[in-house]
Amino acid sequence: MSEEVKETMDDFARELEASYREFDERRSNSQEQEEGPDAEKWNELTRMMEEKEVVKVQVKDAVKVCLVA
């Protein structure tokens, strides 16, 4: 007699989290491979964001839900 394997919500959460990580890795790899005139600037901004570097900017405009700097 075969036993039915039941997944728990924790199993589902782990699988979902792994999918998100894989998606993020593929997306960041494809972004790094893109060549363009501003690619170096975007890579620098990505590095700054990952390192949580504080940057002073001048606000140019305020729109509905964000600021343009």
C-alpha atoms as a PDB file:
ATOM      1  CA  MET A   1       0.000   0.000   0.000  1.00  0.00           C
ATOM      2  CA  SER A   2       1.520   3.347  -1.000  1.00  0.00           C
ATOM      3  CA  GLU A   3       1.617   6.239   1.396  1.00  0.00           C
ATOM      4  CA  GLU A   4       0.347   9.573   0.158  1.00  0.00           C
ATOM      5  CA  VAL A   5       2.874  12.371   0.581  1.00  0.00           C
ATOM      6  CA  LYS A   6       1.302  15.547   1.860  1.00  0.00           C
ATOM      7  CA  GLU A   7       2.924  18.907   1.380  1.00  0.00           C
ATOM      8  CA  THR A   8       2.706  21.468   4.125  1.00  0.00           C
ATOM      9  CA  MET A   9       2.474  25.231   3.780  1.00  0.00           C
ATOM     10  CA  ASP A  10       6.149  25.377   4.815  1.00  0.00           C
ATOM     11  CA  ASP A  11       7.028  23.125   1.866  1.00  0.00           C
ATOM     12  CA  PHE A  12       5.037  25.370  -0.439  1.00  0.00           C
ATOM     13  CA  ALA A  13       6.689  28.510   0.975  1.00  0.00           C
ATOM     14  CA  ARG A  14      10.189  27.049   0.485  1.00  0.00           C
ATOM     15  CA  GLU A  15       9.387  26.093  -3.101  1.00  0.00           C
ATOM     16  CA  LEU A  16       7.942  29.539  -3.824  1.00  0.00           C
ATOM     17  CA  GLU A  17      10.948  31.271  -2.268  1.00  0.00           C
ATOM     18  CA  ALA A  18      13.306  29.156  -4.383  1.00  0.00           C
ATOM     19  CA  SER A  19      11.363  30.163  -7.494  1.00  0.00           C
ATOM     20  CA  TYR A  20      11.675  33.845  -6.576  1.00  0.00           C
ATOM     21  CA  ARG A  21      15.433  33.493  -6.016  1.00  0.00           C
ATOM     22  CA  GLU A  22      15.879  31.732  -9.360  1.00  0.00           C
ATOM     23  CA  PHE A  23      13.833  34.414 -11.132  1.00  0.00           C
ATOM     24  CA  ASP A  24      15.851  37.221  -9.502  1.00  0.00           C
ATOM     25  CA  GLU A  25      19.138  35.540 -10.432  1.00  0.00           C
ATOM     26  CA  ARG A  26      18.092  35.103 -14.069  1.00  0.00           C
ATOM     27  CA  ARG A  27      16.817  38.684 -14.249  1.00  0.00           C
ATOM     28  CA  SER A  28      19.972  40.173 -12.723  1.00  0.00           C
ATOM     29  CA  ASN A  29      22.187  38.026 -14.991  1.00  0.00           C
ATOM     30  CA  SER A  30      20.317  39.221 -18.078  1.00  0.00           C
ATOM     31  CA  GLN A  31      20.569  42.837 -16.930  1.00  0.00           C
ATOM     32  CA  GLU A  32      24.319  42.517 -16.410  1.00  0.00           C
ATOM     33  CA  GLN A  33      24.740  41.110 -19.902  1.00  0.00           C
ATOM     34  CA  GLU A  34      22.888  44.005 -21.525  1.00  0.00           C
ATOM     35  CA  GLU A  35      25.196  46.468 -23.180  1.00  0.00           C
ATOM     36  CA  GLY A  36      24.155  50.053 -23.602  1.00  0.00           C
ATOM     37  CA  PRO A  37      25.294  53.617 -23.128  1.00  0.00           C
ATOM     38  CA  ASP A  38      24.026  53.701 -19.524  1.00  0.00           C
ATOM     39  CA  ALA A  39      24.855  50.105 -18.528  1.00  0.00           C
ATOM     40  CA  GLU A  40      27.806  51.169 -16.364  1.00  0.00           C
ATOM     41  CA  LYS A  41      25.677  53.758 -14.532  1.00  0.00           C
ATOM     42  CA  TRP A  42      22.939  51.211 -13.812  1.00  0.00           C
ATOM     43  CA  ASN A  43      25.524  48.711 -12.550  1.00  0.00           C
ATOM     44  CA  GLU A  44      26.887  51.387 -10.208  1.00  0.00           C
ATOM     45  CA  LEU A  45      23.380  52.190  -8.924  1.00  0.00           C
ATOM     46  CA  THR A  46      22.696  48.488  -8.402  1.00  0.00           C
ATOM     47  CA  ARG A  47      25.917  48.145  -6.395  1.00  0.00           C
ATOM     48  CA  MET A  48      25.021  51.202  -4.304  1.00  0.00           C
ATOM     49  CA  MET A  49      21.547  49.784  -3.600  1.00  0.00           C
ATOM     50  CA  GLU A  50      22.948  46.382  -2.570  1.00  0.00           C
ATOM     51  CA  GLU A  51      25.433  48.049  -0.219  1.00  0.00           C
ATOM     52  CA  LYS A  52      22.722  50.408   1.094  1.00  0.00           C
ATOM     53  CA  GLU A  53      24.937  53.368   0.318  1.00  0.00           C
ATOM     54  CA  VAL A  54      23.466  56.759   1.249  1.00  0.00           C
ATOM     55  CA  VAL A  55      23.427  59.220  -1.633  1.00  0.00           C
ATOM     56  CA  LYS A  56      22.545  62.920  -1.545  1.00  0.00           C
ATOM     57  CA  VAL A  57      20.364  63.995  -4.473  1.00  0.00           C
ATOM     58  CA  GLN A  58      18.441  67.066  -5.505  1.00  0.00           C
ATOM     59  CA  VAL A  59      14.690  66.563  -5.889  1.00  0.00           C
ATOM     60  CA  LYS A  60      13.517  67.835  -9.278  1.00  0.00           C
ATOM     61  CA  ASP A  61       9.835  66.940  -9.146  1.00  0.00           C
ATOM     62  CA  ALA A  62       7.180  65.269  -7.045  1.00  0.00           C
ATOM     63  CA  VAL A  63       4.713  62.971  -8.749  1.00  0.00           C
ATOM     64  CA  LYS A  64       1.842  60.875  -7.406  1.00  0.00           C
ATOM     65  CA  VAL A  65       3.741  58.291  -5.396  1.00  0.00           C
ATOM     66  CA  CYS A  66       7.410  59.154  -5.744  1.00  0.00           C
ATOM     67  CA  LEU A  67      10.044  61.824  -6.230  1.00  0.00           C
ATOM     68  CA  VAL A  68      12.165  62.481  -9.303  1.00  0.00           C
ATOM     69  CA  ALA A  69      15.748  63.207  -8.390  1.00  0.00           C
END
